Amino acid sequence: MTGTTTSAVRKNGRSPEEPEQLLDTAPDPRPGLRAYLEVKRAALLAKRRAQRTAPVTEPNRLRARTRAEERSGVRRIRIRHHQILSDSPLDFAGYDLGPASPEIQLGALSSCLTHIFLIQAADLRIPLDSLEVEVQADQDPRAGEPGFEQVPIYPHNISYTVHITSPAGKERIRELHETVERKCPIYNLLINPQHITGRVVLTGSPQEI
């Protein structure tokens, strides 16, 4: 072994004979999500310790802002330092540069369910090899028109399917599913009545409509 290699090995804190360990999942030939769940669990436990040391005293204020782009009408959604484009299809004066708002809502539910599945799997020590959540809903463009007055204008008949690969038994997966439905913020937002307030302000004027 050359001096350079020996130095590198010593710097990593292990001898040449020692195999490099990948968290607690190294013996598994297909670590998949399992390695990530170990990292997620460590972050979850650290977050809980931090909250015990410095308890939260008020809720977080979430913000999103959307501006209609001139000439195109594309909706540019800004959330913190992130941007998401929402657009209409070609047959509705759009350029199809991004999903429509109802599609983004389904995507938000899909993303949130996926994230909470990961968090709770890490917390409950349930190994996952793969995870995918598909959300579907109906939206009828005839809603509100004569003969379709009772059809909701909003997406409805919402359903989701979770595809999981895991060595865990059915009871543990059922436990995971039930816990996710109790703790998923967007799932619970959608299944519970909400109160929304709104106002309109004329730009460059203190007048409020």
C-alpha atoms as a PDB file:
ATOM      1  CA  MET A   1       0.000   0.000   0.000  1.00  0.00           C
ATOM      2  CA  THR A   2       1.334   3.420  -0.881  1.00  0.00           C
ATOM      3  CA  GLY A   3       1.844   6.123   1.737  1.00  0.00           C
ATOM      4  CA  THR A   4      -0.934   8.197   0.201  1.00  0.00           C
ATOM      5  CA  THR A   5      -3.459   5.362   0.477  1.00  0.00           C
ATOM      6  CA  THR A   6      -2.416   4.559   4.055  1.00  0.00           C
ATOM      7  CA  SER A   7      -2.845   8.178   5.025  1.00  0.00           C
ATOM      8  CA  ALA A   8      -6.297   8.287   3.483  1.00  0.00           C
ATOM      9  CA  VAL A   9      -7.351   5.130   5.291  1.00  0.00           C
ATOM     10  CA  ARG A  10      -6.117   6.397   8.644  1.00  0.00           C
ATOM     11  CA  LYS A  11      -7.852   9.698   8.049  1.00  0.00           C
ATOM     12  CA  ASN A  12     -11.130   7.850   7.597  1.00  0.00           C
ATOM     13  CA  GLY A  13     -10.551   6.137  10.941  1.00  0.00           C
ATOM     14  CA  ARG A  14     -10.506   2.522   9.772  1.00  0.00           C
ATOM     15  CA  SER A  15      -7.928  -0.041   8.777  1.00  0.00           C
ATOM     16  CA  PRO A  16      -7.670  -1.504   5.239  1.00  0.00           C
ATOM     17  CA  GLU A  17      -9.338  -4.720   6.435  1.00  0.00           C
ATOM     18  CA  GLU A  18     -12.424  -2.942   7.803  1.00  0.00           C
ATOM     19  CA  PRO A  19     -15.364  -2.653   5.362  1.00  0.00           C
ATOM     20  CA  GLU A  20     -17.026   0.741   5.165  1.00  0.00           C
ATOM     21  CA  GLN A  21     -20.362   0.710   6.983  1.00  0.00           C
ATOM     22  CA  LEU A  22     -23.479   2.406   5.621  1.00  0.00           C
ATOM     23  CA  LEU A  23     -25.385   3.313   8.774  1.00  0.00           C
ATOM     24  CA  ASP A  24     -27.306   0.294  10.105  1.00  0.00           C
ATOM     25  CA  THR A  25     -28.217  -1.042   6.683  1.00  0.00           C
ATOM     26  CA  ALA A  26     -24.842  -2.153   5.336  1.00  0.00           C
ATOM     27  CA  PRO A  27     -25.591  -5.923   5.591  1.00  0.00           C
ATOM     28  CA  ASP A  28     -28.700  -5.512   3.452  1.00  0.00           C
ATOM     29  CA  PRO A  29     -28.022  -6.056  -0.260  1.00  0.00           C
ATOM     30  CA  ARG A  30     -30.764  -3.574  -1.228  1.00  0.00           C
ATOM     31  CA  PRO A  31     -30.705  -0.742   1.286  1.00  0.00           C
ATOM     32  CA  GLY A  32     -33.044   1.379  -0.855  1.00  0.00           C
ATOM     33  CA  LEU A  33     -34.969   3.698   1.446  1.00  0.00           C
ATOM     34  CA  ARG A  34     -33.702   1.967   4.567  1.00  0.00           C
ATOM     35  CA  ALA A  35     -30.492   4.009   4.707  1.00  0.00           C
ATOM     36  CA  TYR A  36     -32.488   7.205   4.268  1.00  0.00           C
ATOM     37  CA  LEU A  37     -34.914   6.196   7.032  1.00  0.00           C
ATOM     38  CA  GLU A  38     -31.969   5.904   9.435  1.00  0.00           C
ATOM     39  CA  VAL A  39     -30.942   9.455   8.535  1.00  0.00           C
ATOM     40  CA  LYS A  40     -34.562  10.609   8.843  1.00  0.00           C
ATOM     41  CA  ARG A  41     -34.877   8.968  12.261  1.00  0.00           C
ATOM     42  CA  ALA A  42     -31.722  10.684  13.493  1.00  0.00           C
ATOM     43  CA  ALA A  43     -33.068  14.038  12.274  1.00  0.00           C
ATOM     44  CA  LEU A  44     -36.454  13.351  13.898  1.00  0.00           C
ATOM     45  CA  LEU A  45     -34.886  12.521  17.255  1.00  0.00           C
ATOM     46  CA  ALA A  46     -32.623  15.587  17.057  1.00  0.00           C
ATOM     47  CA  LYS A  47     -35.648  17.763  16.277  1.00  0.00           C
ATOM     48  CA  ARG A  48     -37.497  16.395  19.300  1.00  0.00           C
ATOM     49  CA  ARG A  49     -34.493  17.053  21.556  1.00  0.00           C
ATOM     50  CA  ALA A  50     -34.263  20.613  20.240  1.00  0.00           C
ATOM     51  CA  GLN A  51     -37.962  21.181  20.896  1.00  0.00           C
ATOM     52  CA  ARG A  52     -37.584  19.970  24.472  1.00  0.00           C
ATOM     53  CA  THR A  53     -34.645  22.348  24.971  1.00  0.00           C
ATOM     54  CA  ALA A  54     -36.374  25.305  23.307  1.00  0.00           C
ATOM     55  CA  PRO A  55     -40.126  24.623  23.175  1.00  0.00           C
ATOM     56  CA  VAL A  56     -42.112  26.223  20.366  1.00  0.00           C
ATOM     57  CA  THR A  57     -44.102  29.197  21.673  1.00  0.00           C
ATOM     58  CA  GLU A  58     -46.166  30.079  18.590  1.00  0.00           C
ATOM     59  CA  PRO A  59     -47.258  28.480  15.310  1.00  0.00           C
ATOM     60  CA  ASN A  60     -45.333  28.943  12.083  1.00  0.00           C
ATOM     61  CA  ARG A  61     -46.902  31.349   9.601  1.00  0.00           C
ATOM     62  CA  LEU A  62     -46.840  29.730   6.164  1.00  0.00           C
ATOM     63  CA  ARG A  63     -46.907  31.957   3.087  1.00  0.00           C
ATOM     64  CA  ALA A  64     -47.346  31.503  -0.642  1.00  0.00           C
ATOM     65  CA  ARG A  65     -47.611  34.251  -3.246  1.00  0.00           C
ATOM     66  CA  THR A  66     -48.658  33.958  -6.886  1.00  0.00           C
ATOM     67  CA  ARG A  67     -48.277  36.534  -9.637  1.00  0.00           C
ATOM     68  CA  ALA A  68     -49.816  36.334 -13.107  1.00  0.00           C
ATOM     69  CA  GLU A  69     -47.058  36.889 -15.650  1.00  0.00           C
ATOM     70  CA  GLU A  70     -47.759  39.616 -18.224  1.00  0.00           C
ATOM     71  CA  ARG A  71     -48.702  38.509 -21.741  1.00  0.00           C
ATOM     72  CA  SER A  72     -48.717  34.791 -20.864  1.00  0.00           C
ATOM     73  CA  GLY A  73     -50.915  34.663 -17.759  1.00  0.00           C
ATOM     74  CA  VAL A  74     -48.624  31.948 -16.332  1.00  0.00           C
ATOM     75  CA  ARG A  75     -48.976  31.765 -12.550  1.00  0.00           C
ATOM     76  CA  ARG A  76     -45.615  31.901 -10.813  1.00  0.00           C
ATOM     77  CA  ILE A  77     -46.005  30.570  -7.271  1.00  0.00           C
ATOM     78  CA  ARG A  78     -43.332  31.718  -4.816  1.00  0.00           C
ATOM     79  CA  ILE A  79     -42.867  29.836  -1.549  1.00  0.00           C
ATOM     80  CA  ARG A  80     -39.798  30.895   0.450  1.00  0.00           C
ATOM     81  CA  HIS A  81     -36.959  30.709  -2.133  1.00  0.00           C
ATOM     82  CA  HIS A  82     -38.784  28.164  -4.321  1.00  0.00           C
ATOM     83  CA  GLN A  83     -40.861  28.719  -7.447  1.00  0.00           C
ATOM     84  CA  ILE A  84     -43.553  26.574  -9.057  1.00  0.00           C
ATOM     85  CA  LEU A  85     -45.183  27.354 -12.396  1.00  0.00           C
ATOM     86  CA  SER A  86     -48.898  26.771 -12.824  1.00  0.00           C
ATOM     87  CA  ASP A  87     -50.416  27.127 -16.277  1.00  0.00           C
ATOM     88  CA  SER A  88     -53.471  26.354 -18.383  1.00  0.00           C
ATOM     89  CA  PRO A  89     -53.520  23.832 -21.240  1.00  0.00           C
ATOM     90  CA  LEU A  90     -53.165  24.994 -24.824  1.00  0.00           C
ATOM     91  CA  ASP A  91     -56.918  24.968 -25.444  1.00  0.00           C
ATOM     92  CA  PHE A  92     -57.512  27.494 -22.631  1.00  0.00           C
ATOM     93  CA  ALA A  93     -55.109  30.308 -23.590  1.00  0.00           C
ATOM     94  CA  GLY A  94     -52.192  28.662 -21.835  1.00  0.00           C
ATOM     95  CA  TYR A  95     -48.829  27.203 -22.762  1.00  0.00           C
ATOM     96  CA  ASP A  96     -49.008  24.071 -20.607  1.00  0.00           C
ATOM     97  CA  LEU A  97     -45.804  25.127 -18.830  1.00  0.00           C
ATOM     98  CA  GLY A  98     -46.956  23.653 -15.532  1.00  0.00           C
ATOM     99  CA  PRO A  99     -49.812  21.800 -13.850  1.00  0.00           C
ATOM    100  CA  ALA A 100     -53.150  23.433 -13.149  1.00  0.00           C
ATOM    101  CA  SER A 101     -54.036  24.428  -9.588  1.00  0.00           C
ATOM    102  CA  PRO A 102     -56.260  21.381  -8.880  1.00  0.00           C
ATOM    103  CA  GLU A 103     -53.414  19.133 -10.064  1.00  0.00           C
ATOM    104  CA  ILE A 104     -50.985  20.927  -7.761  1.00  0.00           C
ATOM    105  CA  GLN A 105     -53.402  20.306  -4.892  1.00  0.00           C
ATOM    106  CA  LEU A 106     -53.395  16.580  -5.618  1.00  0.00           C
ATOM    107  CA  GLY A 107     -49.610  16.721  -5.879  1.00  0.00           C
ATOM    108  CA  ALA A 108     -49.438  18.421  -2.478  1.00  0.00           C
ATOM    109  CA  LEU A 109     -51.526  15.629  -0.950  1.00  0.00           C
ATOM    110  CA  SER A 110     -49.391  12.978  -2.645  1.00  0.00           C
ATOM    111  CA  SER A 111     -46.162  14.637  -1.474  1.00  0.00           C
ATOM    112  CA  CYS A 112     -47.396  15.128   2.076  1.00  0.00           C
ATOM    113  CA  LEU A 113     -48.608  11.545   2.420  1.00  0.00           C
ATOM    114  CA  THR A 114     -45.278  10.299   1.074  1.00  0.00           C
ATOM    115  CA  HIS A 115     -43.323  12.441   3.527  1.00  0.00           C
ATOM    116  CA  ILE A 116     -45.418  11.402   6.532  1.00  0.00           C
ATOM    117  CA  PHE A 117     -45.049   7.749   5.538  1.00  0.00           C
ATOM    118  CA  LEU A 118     -41.272   8.267   5.615  1.00  0.00           C
ATOM    119  CA  ILE A 119     -41.348  10.076   8.969  1.00  0.00           C
ATOM    120  CA  GLN A 120     -43.564   7.512  10.655  1.00  0.00           C
ATOM    121  CA  ALA A 121     -41.694   4.565   9.159  1.00  0.00           C
ATOM    122  CA  ALA A 122     -38.502   6.031  10.632  1.00  0.00           C
ATOM    123  CA  ASP A 123     -40.182   6.669  13.978  1.00  0.00           C
ATOM    124  CA  LEU A 124     -41.812   3.225  14.189  1.00  0.00           C
ATOM    125  CA  ARG A 125     -38.681   1.463  12.881  1.00  0.00           C
ATOM    126  CA  ILE A 126     -40.556  -0.046   9.942  1.00  0.00           C
ATOM    127  CA  PRO A 127     -38.142  -0.749   7.062  1.00  0.00           C
ATOM    128  CA  LEU A 128     -39.152   0.396   3.578  1.00  0.00           C
ATOM    129  CA  ASP A 129     -37.440  -0.461   0.313  1.00  0.00           C
ATOM    130  CA  SER A 130     -39.666   1.623  -1.960  1.00  0.00           C
ATOM    131  CA  LEU A 131     -42.587   4.013  -1.544  1.00  0.00           C
ATOM    132  CA  GLU A 132     -44.884   5.716  -4.026  1.00  0.00           C
ATOM    133  CA  VAL A 133     -48.224   7.458  -3.457  1.00  0.00           C
ATOM    134  CA  GLU A 134     -50.701   7.999  -6.297  1.00  0.00           C
ATOM    135  CA  VAL A 135     -53.637  10.404  -5.842  1.00  0.00           C
ATOM    136  CA  GLN A 136     -56.674  10.619  -8.099  1.00  0.00           C
ATOM    137  CA  ALA A 137     -59.786  12.824  -8.188  1.00  0.00           C
ATOM    138  CA  ASP A 138     -62.652  13.789 -10.477  1.00  0.00           C
ATOM    139  CA  GLN A 139     -63.238  17.312 -11.774  1.00  0.00           C
ATOM    140  CA  ASP A 140     -66.142  17.873 -14.144  1.00  0.00           C
ATOM    141  CA  PRO A 141     -65.852  20.903 -16.484  1.00  0.00           C
ATOM    142  CA  ARG A 142     -69.672  20.922 -16.747  1.00  0.00           C
ATOM    143  CA  ALA A 143     -70.047  21.707 -13.016  1.00  0.00           C
ATOM    144  CA  GLY A 144     -72.532  24.524 -12.392  1.00  0.00           C
ATOM    145  CA  GLU A 145     -73.982  24.473 -15.885  1.00  0.00           C
ATOM    146  CA  PRO A 146     -77.671  23.700 -16.556  1.00  0.00           C
ATOM    147  CA  GLY A 147     -78.310  20.105 -15.621  1.00  0.00           C
ATOM    148  CA  PHE A 148     -75.093  19.919 -13.605  1.00  0.00           C
ATOM    149  CA  GLU A 149     -75.877  22.405 -10.829  1.00  0.00           C
ATOM    150  CA  GLN A 150     -75.225  19.816  -8.134  1.00  0.00           C
ATOM    151  CA  VAL A 151     -71.825  18.753  -9.484  1.00  0.00           C
ATOM    152  CA  PRO A 152     -68.967  20.186  -7.335  1.00  0.00           C
ATOM    153  CA  ILE A 153     -66.712  22.699  -9.070  1.00  0.00           C
ATOM    154  CA  TYR A 154     -63.806  21.418  -6.976  1.00  0.00           C
ATOM    155  CA  PRO A 155     -61.921  18.112  -7.276  1.00  0.00           C
ATOM    156  CA  HIS A 156     -63.918  15.379  -5.577  1.00  0.00           C
ATOM    157  CA  ASN A 157     -63.989  11.610  -5.149  1.00  0.00           C
ATOM    158  CA  ILE A 158     -60.384  11.906  -4.031  1.00  0.00           C
ATOM    159  CA  SER A 159     -58.573   8.610  -3.465  1.00  0.00           C
ATOM    160  CA  TYR A 160     -54.986   7.572  -2.933  1.00  0.00           C
ATOM    161  CA  THR A 161     -53.044   4.367  -3.345  1.00  0.00           C
ATOM    162  CA  VAL A 162     -49.775   3.696  -1.573  1.00  0.00           C
ATOM    163  CA  HIS A 163     -47.320   1.287  -3.188  1.00  0.00           C
ATOM    164  CA  ILE A 164     -44.871  -0.044  -0.593  1.00  0.00           C
ATOM    165  CA  THR A 165     -42.094  -2.596  -0.737  1.00  0.00           C
ATOM    166  CA  SER A 166     -41.186  -3.728   2.763  1.00  0.00           C
ATOM    167  CA  PRO A 167     -40.250  -6.884   4.668  1.00  0.00           C
ATOM    168  CA  ALA A 168     -42.585  -5.776   7.479  1.00  0.00           C
ATOM    169  CA  GLY A 169     -45.733  -7.778   8.174  1.00  0.00           C
ATOM    170  CA  LYS A 170     -49.270  -6.657   7.387  1.00  0.00           C
ATOM    171  CA  GLU A 171     -50.002  -5.584  10.965  1.00  0.00           C
ATOM    172  CA  ARG A 172     -47.019  -3.252  11.037  1.00  0.00           C
ATOM    173  CA  ILE A 173     -47.924  -1.759   7.658  1.00  0.00           C
ATOM    174  CA  ARG A 174     -51.492  -1.285   8.869  1.00  0.00           C
ATOM    175  CA  GLU A 175     -50.143   0.454  11.983  1.00  0.00           C
ATOM    176  CA  LEU A 176     -48.025   2.688   9.757  1.00  0.00           C
ATOM    177  CA  HIS A 177     -50.994   3.563   7.536  1.00  0.00           C
ATOM    178  CA  GLU A 178     -53.265   4.436  10.463  1.00  0.00           C
ATOM    179  CA  THR A 179     -50.577   6.606  12.028  1.00  0.00           C
ATOM    180  CA  VAL A 180     -49.984   8.446   8.752  1.00  0.00           C
ATOM    181  CA  GLU A 181     -53.682   9.275   8.360  1.00  0.00           C
ATOM    182  CA  ARG A 182     -53.746  10.680  11.915  1.00  0.00           C
ATOM    183  CA  LYS A 183     -50.677  12.848  11.392  1.00  0.00           C
ATOM    184  CA  CYS A 184     -50.618  13.934   7.736  1.00  0.00           C
ATOM    185  CA  PRO A 185     -51.306  17.719   7.670  1.00  0.00           C
ATOM    186  CA  ILE A 186     -52.647  17.976   4.111  1.00  0.00           C
ATOM    187  CA  TYR A 187     -54.772  14.822   4.406  1.00  0.00           C
ATOM    188  CA  ASN A 188     -56.396  16.227   7.546  1.00  0.00           C
ATOM    189  CA  LEU A 189     -56.732  19.671   5.945  1.00  0.00           C
ATOM    190  CA  LEU A 190     -58.812  18.130   3.167  1.00  0.00           C
ATOM    191  CA  ILE A 191     -61.031  15.879   5.272  1.00  0.00           C
ATOM    192  CA  ASN A 192     -61.938  18.614   7.773  1.00  0.00           C
ATOM    193  CA  PRO A 193     -63.974  21.797   7.228  1.00  0.00           C
ATOM    194  CA  GLN A 194     -61.845  24.937   6.915  1.00  0.00           C
ATOM    195  CA  HIS A 195     -62.506  28.643   7.386  1.00  0.00           C
ATOM    196  CA  ILE A 196     -60.842  30.927   4.837  1.00  0.00           C
ATOM    197  CA  THR A 197     -60.904  34.727   4.909  1.00  0.00           C
ATOM    198  CA  GLY A 198     -60.075  36.916   1.925  1.00  0.00           C
ATOM    199  CA  ARG A 199     -59.757  40.569   0.942  1.00  0.00           C
ATOM    200  CA  VAL A 200     -58.918  42.599  -2.155  1.00  0.00           C
ATOM    201  CA  VAL A 201     -56.582  45.600  -2.070  1.00  0.00           C
ATOM    202  CA  LEU A 202     -56.219  48.042  -4.976  1.00  0.00           C
ATOM    203  CA  THR A 203     -52.517  48.388  -5.872  1.00  0.00           C
ATOM    204  CA  GLY A 204     -51.103  51.810  -5.004  1.00  0.00           C
ATOM    205  CA  SER A 205     -54.129  52.696  -2.930  1.00  0.00           C
ATOM    206  CA  PRO A 206     -55.087  52.159   0.705  1.00  0.00           C
ATOM    207  CA  GLN A 207     -58.594  51.381  -0.490  1.00  0.00           C
ATOM    208  CA  GLU A 208     -59.788  47.894   0.279  1.00  0.00           C
ATOM    209  CA  ILE A 209     -62.744  46.357  -1.518  1.00  0.00           C
END
